[in-house]
Amino acid sequence: MRVAMYYNNNDVRLEELPKPTIGPGEMLIQVMASGICGSDVMEWYRIKKAPRVLGHEVTGQVVEVGPGVDRFQVGDRVVVTHHVPCNTCHYCLNGHHTLCDTLHSTNFDPGGFAEFLRIPAINVDRGTFKLPDEVSYEVGSFVEPLGCAVRGQRVAKMAPGQSVLVLGSGLSGLLHILLARAQGAGRIMATDITDYRMQAAARFGADHVTDARGDVPGWVREVNGRGADLVIVCTAAPAAFDQALAAADRGGTVLLYALHSPDVNFQFNPRAFMLNGTTLVSSYAAAPRDLELALELLRSRRVEVEDLITHRLPLERTQEGFQMVAQAGESLKVIIDPTR
């Protein structure tokens, strides 16, 4: 079968691998859509495991089921997730599924940028969901990234009526804007450094948008009358952390959502942090409950994502897709369709 083999952001090659064989409890799916995630182009994170087939925002059609699989059958349309928790460890039992060791060790074979994908038994059991008829394969590929946003706003205790500031209007920032709107946020503000993404933020639900290189905390107080109740940091730019703390209202919450490289360290004034009553939280990945809610938000069209898709590419153009995402130019969501 054909795969897009990742070596680095500028070297993704179309290669051949044997089609995976499945065992008990496993499934083989034909990949129909696989989104390129911002984390896929983080070379500091990905290149140490190269060469490998990436792709974890995946939907497809079941083409084989192994012995013991009774919830799915050949022909089912599914969305599959690569990281799944054990549901029995200390962290899972205390609601911290994304800290589970099992979650960090599970994955697909080989990855979503391939014609076929073997779904291990544990992923079949707790990381595979049937796609409703009204959800396309492309829209279904948003279940994982939207689920991550759902978890982020859940741990940040986002509540209806809150003012929300999103720092960074790439794909994750736009999903947070759409989700905040769906969950009844009050005023939504957003920033970025490119006109293209600032315009996208306004188009997808932000009430006010400004250039991140300006006085963001001052601007927030001008348009909101006070600081923001919830600040969501969707950019790894170190300056955004300072902006977030300064833009948060008294008693507000700052959610660190973007993943930073290991050499990034933040410094802040603990006295000002304490006197402002700021809550600082972080979120990584999604728990099964978040993925289920994300799927329902997509099915009910409370969160509409189809217009976020700017490029649909065949497998042989995966390299082009990686460059689009890495360069953060005029693209939002790039979907790879191995059937094209």
Protein backbone atom coordinates (compact mmCIF):
# COMPACT_ATOMS: atom_id res chain seq x y z
CA MET A 1 0.00 0.00 0.00
CA ARG A 2 1.04 3.63 -0.47
CA VAL A 3 2.09 5.74 2.52
CA ALA A 4 3.47 9.23 3.02
CA MET A 5 6.70 8.65 4.97
CA TYR A 6 7.83 11.58 7.11
CA TYR A 7 11.55 12.39 7.31
CA ASN A 8 11.21 16.10 8.08
CA ASN A 9 8.86 18.93 7.19
CA ASN A 10 10.51 19.34 3.79
CA ASP A 11 10.92 15.64 3.07
CA VAL A 12 7.73 13.58 3.07
CA ARG A 13 8.02 10.76 0.54
CA LEU A 14 5.45 8.57 -1.15
CA GLU A 15 6.60 5.03 -0.35
CA GLU A 16 5.26 1.47 -0.29
CA LEU A 17 4.64 -0.62 2.83
CA PRO A 18 2.89 -3.97 3.19
CA LYS A 19 -0.79 -3.70 3.97
CA PRO A 20 -1.15 -4.43 7.72
CA THR A 21 -2.55 -7.77 8.84
CA ILE A 22 -4.91 -7.85 11.79
CA GLY A 23 -5.31 -10.13 14.78
CA PRO A 24 -8.00 -10.80 17.39
CA GLY A 25 -9.91 -7.72 18.48
CA GLU A 26 -8.36 -5.60 15.73
CA MET A 27 -9.70 -3.92 12.61
CA LEU A 28 -8.36 -2.76 9.28
CA ILE A 29 -9.78 0.43 7.84
CA GLN A 30 -9.38 2.12 4.50
CA VAL A 31 -8.41 5.71 5.28
CA MET A 32 -10.82 8.23 3.77
CA ALA A 33 -9.59 11.45 5.37
CA SER A 34 -6.61 12.36 7.56
CA GLY A 35 -5.99 15.90 8.74
CA ILE A 36 -2.53 17.41 9.10
CA CYS A 37 -2.23 18.61 12.70
CA GLY A 38 -0.03 21.46 13.83
CA SER A 39 1.82 18.97 16.01
CA ASP A 40 2.72 16.97 12.88
CA VAL A 41 5.00 19.80 11.74
CA MET A 42 6.76 20.30 15.08
CA GLU A 43 10.16 19.05 13.93
CA TRP A 44 11.69 19.18 17.42
CA TYR A 45 9.00 16.69 18.45
CA ARG A 46 8.63 14.54 15.33
CA ILE A 47 12.05 14.25 13.76
CA LYS A 48 13.56 12.17 16.58
CA LYS A 49 11.21 9.33 15.60
CA ALA A 50 11.60 9.73 11.83
CA PRO A 51 11.19 8.09 9.43
CA ARG A 52 7.60 7.27 10.26
CA VAL A 53 4.07 7.58 8.94
CA LEU A 54 2.22 10.32 10.81
CA GLY A 55 -1.47 11.21 10.82
CA HIS A 56 -3.82 10.90 13.81
CA GLU A 57 -6.97 12.82 12.77
CA VAL A 58 -8.42 9.89 10.88
CA THR A 59 -11.70 8.63 9.47
CA GLY A 60 -12.26 5.62 7.28
CA GLN A 61 -14.30 2.59 6.34
CA VAL A 62 -13.91 -0.78 8.01
CA VAL A 63 -12.65 -3.37 5.51
CA GLU A 64 -11.70 -6.22 7.88
CA VAL A 65 -12.61 -7.16 11.45
CA GLY A 66 -10.70 -9.61 13.60
CA PRO A 67 -12.12 -12.36 15.83
CA GLY A 68 -13.85 -10.94 18.89
CA VAL A 69 -14.91 -7.65 17.30
CA ASP A 70 -18.67 -7.39 17.65
CA ARG A 71 -19.40 -3.64 17.78
CA PHE A 72 -18.23 -3.02 14.23
CA GLN A 73 -18.60 -4.74 10.89
CA VAL A 74 -17.21 -4.43 7.40
CA GLY A 75 -18.59 -1.31 5.73
CA ASP A 76 -18.97 0.78 8.89
CA ARG A 77 -17.89 4.40 8.65
CA VAL A 78 -15.70 5.24 11.65
CA VAL A 79 -13.50 7.85 13.26
CA VAL A 80 -10.51 6.42 15.09
CA THR A 81 -8.25 7.97 17.71
CA HIS A 82 -4.62 7.07 18.24
CA HIS A 83 -4.17 7.67 21.99
CA VAL A 84 -6.50 5.85 24.39
CA PRO A 85 -6.38 5.51 28.20
CA CYS A 86 -6.48 2.38 30.32
CA ASN A 87 -9.45 3.70 32.37
CA THR A 88 -8.19 1.88 35.49
CA CYS A 89 -5.02 3.65 36.69
CA HIS A 90 -4.80 6.34 39.39
CA TYR A 91 -4.91 9.13 36.80
CA CYS A 92 -7.86 7.78 34.85
CA LEU A 93 -9.86 7.11 38.01
CA ASN A 94 -9.27 10.72 39.06
CA GLY A 95 -10.37 12.15 35.73
CA HIS A 96 -6.89 12.80 34.33
CA HIS A 97 -7.09 10.40 31.38
CA THR A 98 -4.56 12.29 29.29
CA LEU A 99 -1.89 11.72 31.96
CA CYS A 100 -2.32 7.94 31.69
CA ASP A 101 0.81 5.98 30.73
CA THR A 102 -1.27 3.77 28.45
CA LEU A 103 -2.59 6.78 26.56
CA HIS A 104 0.96 7.91 25.83
CA SER A 105 2.01 4.47 24.57
CA THR A 106 -0.88 3.64 22.23
CA ASN A 107 -0.91 4.40 18.50
CA PHE A 108 -1.93 3.24 15.02
CA ASP A 109 -0.16 0.99 12.53
CA PRO A 110 1.31 2.71 10.63
CA GLY A 111 -0.37 6.18 10.71
CA GLY A 112 -3.18 8.07 9.03
CA PHE A 113 -1.22 9.20 5.97
CA ALA A 114 -1.61 5.78 4.41
CA GLU A 115 -4.15 3.88 2.35
CA PHE A 116 -4.94 1.40 5.12
CA LEU A 117 -4.63 1.46 8.89
CA ARG A 118 -4.56 -1.33 11.47
CA ILE A 119 -6.50 -0.40 14.60
CA PRO A 120 -5.11 -2.25 17.66
CA ALA A 121 -7.60 -3.96 19.94
CA ILE A 122 -7.39 -1.36 22.70
CA ASN A 123 -8.13 1.40 20.18
CA VAL A 124 -11.04 -0.59 18.76
CA ASP A 125 -12.39 -1.00 22.29
CA ARG A 126 -12.24 2.60 23.49
CA GLY A 127 -10.99 4.83 20.69
CA THR A 128 -13.22 4.07 17.71
CA PHE A 129 -16.61 5.68 17.08
CA LYS A 130 -19.17 5.14 14.35
CA LEU A 131 -19.65 8.16 12.13
CA PRO A 132 -23.31 9.19 11.89
CA ASP A 133 -24.62 9.29 8.34
CA GLU A 134 -24.89 13.07 8.45
CA VAL A 135 -21.17 13.51 9.28
CA SER A 136 -18.83 13.34 6.29
CA TYR A 137 -15.42 11.71 6.48
CA GLU A 138 -13.78 15.13 6.24
CA VAL A 139 -15.84 16.63 9.05
CA GLY A 140 -15.32 13.48 11.11
CA SER A 141 -11.56 14.03 10.98
CA PHE A 142 -12.12 17.04 13.27
CA VAL A 143 -13.30 14.84 16.16
CA GLU A 144 -9.79 14.56 17.61
CA PRO A 145 -8.73 18.23 17.37
CA LEU A 146 -12.15 19.46 18.49
CA GLY A 147 -12.10 16.93 21.34
CA CYS A 148 -8.82 18.45 22.52
CA ALA A 149 -10.46 21.89 22.54
CA VAL A 150 -13.45 20.48 24.42
CA ARG A 151 -11.16 19.15 27.12
CA GLY A 152 -9.26 22.43 27.29
CA GLN A 153 -12.38 24.50 27.88
CA ARG A 154 -13.68 21.90 30.30
CA VAL A 155 -10.60 22.00 32.54
CA ALA A 156 -10.61 25.81 32.28
CA LYS A 157 -14.24 25.77 33.51
CA MET A 158 -15.46 27.90 30.64
CA ALA A 159 -18.99 29.11 31.46
CA PRO A 160 -21.75 30.80 29.43
CA GLY A 161 -21.47 34.56 29.39
CA GLN A 162 -17.72 34.65 30.00
CA SER A 163 -15.53 36.91 27.92
CA VAL A 164 -12.92 34.86 26.07
CA LEU A 165 -9.60 35.91 24.56
CA VAL A 166 -7.92 33.53 22.11
CA LEU A 167 -4.24 34.23 21.48
CA GLY A 168 -3.31 32.76 18.09
CA SER A 169 -5.90 32.18 15.37
CA GLY A 170 -4.50 29.12 13.67
CA LEU A 171 -6.63 26.00 13.42
CA SER A 172 -6.67 25.31 17.18
CA GLY A 173 -7.50 28.92 17.96
CA LEU A 174 -10.36 28.91 15.46
CA LEU A 175 -11.75 25.70 16.95
CA HIS A 176 -11.68 27.35 20.38
CA ILE A 177 -13.55 30.36 18.97
CA LEU A 178 -16.21 28.13 17.41
CA LEU A 179 -16.51 26.03 20.57
CA ALA A 180 -16.68 29.04 22.89
CA ARG A 181 -19.48 30.46 20.74
CA ALA A 182 -21.34 27.13 20.83
CA GLN A 183 -21.00 27.02 24.62
CA GLY A 184 -22.52 30.46 25.11
CA ALA A 185 -19.48 32.68 25.57
CA GLY A 186 -20.09 36.40 25.86
CA ARG A 187 -17.60 38.62 24.07
CA ILE A 188 -14.95 36.69 22.10
CA MET A 189 -11.66 38.40 21.26
CA ALA A 190 -8.81 37.01 19.19
CA THR A 191 -5.32 37.87 18.02
CA ASP A 192 -2.82 36.82 15.39
CA ILE A 193 0.06 38.32 13.43
CA THR A 194 -1.24 37.61 9.90
CA ASP A 195 -4.12 39.37 8.16
CA TYR A 196 -5.33 36.06 6.75
CA ARG A 197 -5.82 34.49 10.17
CA MET A 198 -7.18 37.64 11.76
CA GLN A 199 -9.81 37.73 9.04
CA ALA A 200 -10.52 34.04 9.65
CA ALA A 201 -11.00 34.69 13.38
CA ALA A 202 -13.61 37.33 12.60
CA ARG A 203 -15.28 35.08 10.05
CA PHE A 204 -15.57 32.17 12.46
CA GLY A 205 -17.03 34.04 15.40
CA ALA A 206 -14.66 36.46 17.12
CA ASP A 207 -16.35 39.76 17.97
CA HIS A 208 -13.08 41.69 18.06
CA VAL A 209 -9.72 40.89 16.47
CA THR A 210 -6.36 42.65 16.73
CA ASP A 211 -2.72 42.25 15.76
CA ALA A 212 -0.85 40.28 18.42
CA ARG A 213 2.15 42.60 18.09
CA GLY A 214 0.25 45.50 19.65
CA ASP A 215 -0.77 46.24 23.23
CA VAL A 216 -3.09 43.29 23.59
CA PRO A 217 -3.90 43.70 27.33
CA GLY A 218 -4.73 47.38 26.80
CA TRP A 219 -6.85 46.55 23.75
CA VAL A 220 -8.78 43.89 25.71
CA ARG A 221 -9.69 46.39 28.41
CA GLU A 222 -10.71 48.90 25.78
CA VAL A 223 -13.13 46.60 23.94
CA ASN A 224 -14.25 44.54 26.94
CA GLY A 225 -14.27 47.15 29.68
CA ARG A 226 -12.05 44.91 31.81
CA GLY A 227 -9.77 41.92 31.39
CA ALA A 228 -10.92 38.65 29.87
CA ASP A 229 -12.52 35.97 32.04
CA LEU A 230 -10.76 33.24 30.08
CA VAL A 231 -7.58 33.57 28.04
CA ILE A 232 -6.68 30.63 25.79
CA VAL A 233 -3.07 30.54 24.59
CA CYS A 234 -3.06 28.83 21.18
CA THR A 235 0.38 29.97 20.07
CA ALA A 236 3.81 28.84 21.20
CA ALA A 237 5.21 32.37 20.88
CA PRO A 238 6.73 33.06 24.34
CA ALA A 239 5.43 36.65 24.36
CA ALA A 240 1.86 35.31 24.37
CA PHE A 241 2.30 34.00 27.92
CA ASP A 242 3.02 37.48 29.24
CA GLN A 243 0.11 38.86 27.23
CA ALA A 244 -2.19 36.22 28.66
CA LEU A 245 -1.38 36.97 32.30
CA ALA A 246 -1.67 40.71 31.71
CA ALA A 247 -4.93 40.43 29.75
CA ALA A 248 -6.74 38.15 32.23
CA ASP A 249 -9.28 39.85 34.45
CA ARG A 250 -9.07 39.65 38.23
CA GLY A 251 -10.13 36.13 39.11
CA GLY A 252 -9.73 35.09 35.50
CA THR A 253 -8.26 31.90 34.04
CA VAL A 254 -5.37 31.38 31.62
CA LEU A 255 -5.37 28.12 29.64
CA LEU A 256 -2.02 27.03 28.20
CA TYR A 257 -3.05 25.07 25.12
CA ALA A 258 -0.20 25.30 22.61
CA LEU A 259 2.65 22.82 23.02
CA HIS A 260 6.03 24.47 23.56
CA SER A 261 9.48 23.11 22.73
CA PRO A 262 11.53 21.83 25.70
CA ASP A 263 13.87 24.83 25.70
CA VAL A 264 11.10 27.39 26.35
CA ASN A 265 10.85 28.71 29.91
CA PHE A 266 8.44 31.34 31.20
CA GLN A 267 9.08 33.95 33.85
CA PHE A 268 6.38 35.94 35.59
CA ASN A 269 5.79 38.05 38.67
CA PRO A 270 4.28 35.76 41.31
CA ARG A 271 3.09 38.69 43.42
CA ALA A 272 1.07 40.19 40.58
CA PHE A 273 -0.17 36.71 39.67
CA MET A 274 -1.33 36.11 43.23
CA LEU A 275 -2.92 39.53 43.77
CA ASN A 276 -4.80 39.23 40.51
CA GLY A 277 -6.25 35.88 41.62
CA THR A 278 -5.35 34.27 38.31
CA THR A 279 -5.93 30.57 37.73
CA LEU A 280 -3.37 28.97 35.42
CA VAL A 281 -4.29 25.63 33.84
CA SER A 282 -3.02 23.52 30.96
CA SER A 283 -4.55 20.91 28.71
CA TYR A 284 -3.12 18.22 26.46
CA ALA A 285 -5.02 15.77 24.24
CA ALA A 286 -8.57 14.55 24.90
CA ALA A 287 -10.35 12.00 27.06
CA PRO A 288 -12.96 9.64 25.53
CA ARG A 289 -15.82 11.74 26.95
CA ASP A 290 -14.42 14.81 25.18
CA LEU A 291 -14.21 12.96 21.87
CA GLU A 292 -17.80 11.78 22.21
CA LEU A 293 -18.97 15.32 22.89
CA ALA A 294 -16.94 16.61 19.95
CA LEU A 295 -18.62 14.10 17.65
CA GLU A 296 -22.05 15.16 18.88
CA LEU A 297 -21.20 18.85 18.42
CA LEU A 298 -20.24 18.08 14.82
CA ARG A 299 -23.27 15.85 14.20
CA SER A 300 -25.69 18.46 15.52
CA ARG A 301 -23.83 21.22 13.65
CA ARG A 302 -23.49 23.26 16.82
CA VAL A 303 -19.87 23.50 15.72
CA GLU A 304 -19.57 23.77 11.94
CA VAL A 305 -16.07 23.09 10.65
CA GLU A 306 -16.39 22.36 6.94
CA ASP A 307 -15.41 25.89 5.94
CA LEU A 308 -12.18 25.51 7.93
CA ILE A 309 -10.96 23.08 5.27
CA THR A 310 -8.90 25.08 2.80
CA HIS A 311 -7.05 22.29 1.01
CA ARG A 312 -7.89 18.70 0.07
CA LEU A 313 -4.89 16.80 -1.27
CA PRO A 314 -4.16 13.26 -2.48
CA LEU A 315 -1.59 11.14 -0.67
CA GLU A 316 1.18 11.95 -3.16
CA ARG A 317 0.87 15.66 -2.28
CA THR A 318 1.30 15.19 1.48
CA GLN A 319 4.68 16.95 1.29
CA GLU A 320 2.92 20.04 -0.11
CA GLY A 321 0.40 19.86 2.70
CA PHE A 322 3.11 19.70 5.36
CA GLN A 323 4.78 22.79 3.92
CA MET A 324 1.48 24.68 3.95
CA VAL A 325 0.89 23.89 7.61
CA ALA A 326 4.50 24.54 8.65
CA GLN A 327 4.62 27.90 6.88
CA ALA A 328 1.30 29.00 8.43
CA GLY A 329 0.40 30.96 5.33
CA GLU A 330 -2.99 31.05 3.65
CA SER A 331 -4.23 27.69 4.80
CA LEU A 332 -6.30 26.57 7.76
CA LYS A 333 -7.07 22.86 7.63
CA VAL A 334 -5.32 20.60 5.14
CA ILE A 335 -6.94 17.20 4.62
CA ILE A 336 -5.16 14.26 3.00
CA ASP A 337 -7.48 11.89 1.09
CA PRO A 338 -5.64 8.68 0.13
CA THR A 339 -8.53 7.66 -2.14
CA ARG A 340 -8.03 10.64 -4.51
